[in-house]
Amino acid sequence: MKLADHLNHKQRKHMEKLRKRNKPPSKKKHKGKVKEEKINWSEIMGTKRDTYKRVGGRVRRK
């Protein structure tokens, strides 16, 4: 359980006032553009590789 669950309404309001008073103003960070991945997924997955097939005891390129 949280501490706020054990306090009555008046005590909770008092704690909120103290929290607001002690909190320093936060500096907002500017969010830039999301960087896109520069990964060649087709190369990783092996879609552009040669495929081989067994033909007559030999392995041939398909």
C-alpha atoms as a PDB file:
ATOM      1  CA  MET A   1       0.000   0.000   0.000  1.00  0.00           C
ATOM      2  CA  LYS A   2       1.066   3.531  -0.609  1.00  0.00           C
ATOM      3  CA  LEU A   3       1.441   6.165   2.072  1.00  0.00           C
ATOM      4  CA  ALA A   4      -1.443   8.166   0.589  1.00  0.00           C
ATOM      5  CA  ASP A   5      -3.804   5.254   1.281  1.00  0.00           C
ATOM      6  CA  HIS A   6      -3.243   5.693   5.031  1.00  0.00           C
ATOM      7  CA  LEU A   7      -3.840   9.469   5.095  1.00  0.00           C
ATOM      8  CA  ASN A   8      -7.147  11.276   5.278  1.00  0.00           C
ATOM      9  CA  HIS A   9      -8.262  13.845   2.696  1.00  0.00           C
ATOM     10  CA  LYS A  10      -6.948  16.886   4.575  1.00  0.00           C
ATOM     11  CA  GLN A  11      -3.511  15.345   5.094  1.00  0.00           C
ATOM     12  CA  ARG A  12      -3.310  14.321   1.431  1.00  0.00           C
ATOM     13  CA  LYS A  13      -4.034  17.893   0.277  1.00  0.00           C
ATOM     14  CA  HIS A  14      -1.348  19.199   2.633  1.00  0.00           C
ATOM     15  CA  MET A  15       1.196  16.719   1.216  1.00  0.00           C
ATOM     16  CA  GLU A  16       0.313  17.760  -2.356  1.00  0.00           C
ATOM     17  CA  LYS A  17       0.939  21.415  -1.459  1.00  0.00           C
ATOM     18  CA  LEU A  18       4.346  20.560  -0.023  1.00  0.00           C
ATOM     19  CA  ARG A  19       5.248  18.516  -3.079  1.00  0.00           C
ATOM     20  CA  LYS A  20       4.323  21.345  -5.462  1.00  0.00           C
ATOM     21  CA  ARG A  21       6.238  23.912  -3.424  1.00  0.00           C
ATOM     22  CA  ASN A  22       9.477  21.891  -3.274  1.00  0.00           C
ATOM     23  CA  LYS A  23       9.454  20.796  -6.892  1.00  0.00           C
ATOM     24  CA  PRO A  24      11.951  22.747  -9.055  1.00  0.00           C
ATOM     25  CA  PRO A  25      10.775  23.782 -12.510  1.00  0.00           C
ATOM     26  CA  SER A  26      11.738  21.131 -15.019  1.00  0.00           C
ATOM     27  CA  LYS A  27      13.482  21.938 -18.274  1.00  0.00           C
ATOM     28  CA  LYS A  28      11.715  20.444 -21.245  1.00  0.00           C
ATOM     29  CA  LYS A  29      13.886  18.665 -23.770  1.00  0.00           C
ATOM     30  CA  HIS A  30      13.190  19.128 -27.434  1.00  0.00           C
ATOM     31  CA  LYS A  31      12.466  15.854 -29.117  1.00  0.00           C
ATOM     32  CA  GLY A  32      14.222  15.534 -32.444  1.00  0.00           C
ATOM     33  CA  LYS A  33      13.302  13.382 -35.366  1.00  0.00           C
ATOM     34  CA  VAL A  34      13.354   9.653 -34.847  1.00  0.00           C
ATOM     35  CA  LYS A  35      16.387   8.139 -36.524  1.00  0.00           C
ATOM     36  CA  GLU A  36      15.509   5.468 -39.033  1.00  0.00           C
ATOM     37  CA  GLU A  37      17.475   2.248 -39.101  1.00  0.00           C
ATOM     38  CA  LYS A  38      19.966   1.873 -41.907  1.00  0.00           C
ATOM     39  CA  ILE A  39      19.863  -1.915 -41.961  1.00  0.00           C
ATOM     40  CA  ASN A  40      19.527  -3.919 -45.121  1.00  0.00           C
ATOM     41  CA  TRP A  41      17.068  -6.530 -43.852  1.00  0.00           C
ATOM     42  CA  SER A  42      16.942  -8.473 -47.112  1.00  0.00           C
ATOM     43  CA  GLU A  43      20.689  -9.070 -46.824  1.00  0.00           C
ATOM     44  CA  ILE A  44      20.391 -10.175 -43.206  1.00  0.00           C
ATOM     45  CA  MET A  45      17.554 -12.567 -43.995  1.00  0.00           C
ATOM     46  CA  GLY A  46      19.495 -14.004 -46.926  1.00  0.00           C
ATOM     47  CA  THR A  47      16.949 -13.367 -49.679  1.00  0.00           C
ATOM     48  CA  LYS A  48      19.593 -12.288 -52.210  1.00  0.00           C
ATOM     49  CA  ARG A  49      21.826 -15.313 -51.733  1.00  0.00           C
ATOM     50  CA  ASP A  50      22.297 -18.075 -54.270  1.00  0.00           C
ATOM     51  CA  THR A  51      20.219 -21.160 -53.612  1.00  0.00           C
ATOM     52  CA  TYR A  52      21.697 -24.583 -54.135  1.00  0.00           C
ATOM     53  CA  LYS A  53      20.025 -27.842 -55.099  1.00  0.00           C
ATOM     54  CA  ARG A  54      21.345 -31.369 -55.121  1.00  0.00           C
ATOM     55  CA  VAL A  55      21.203 -32.792 -58.659  1.00  0.00           C
ATOM     56  CA  GLY A  56      22.648 -36.194 -59.513  1.00  0.00           C
ATOM     57  CA  GLY A  57      25.033 -36.322 -56.550  1.00  0.00           C
ATOM     58  CA  ARG A  58      26.316 -32.790 -57.149  1.00  0.00           C
ATOM     59  CA  VAL A  59      25.268 -29.515 -55.600  1.00  0.00           C
ATOM     60  CA  ARG A  60      24.195 -27.050 -58.271  1.00  0.00           C
ATOM     61  CA  ARG A  61      23.211 -23.426 -58.136  1.00  0.00           C
ATOM     62  CA  LYS A  62      19.522 -22.946 -58.785  1.00  0.00           C
END
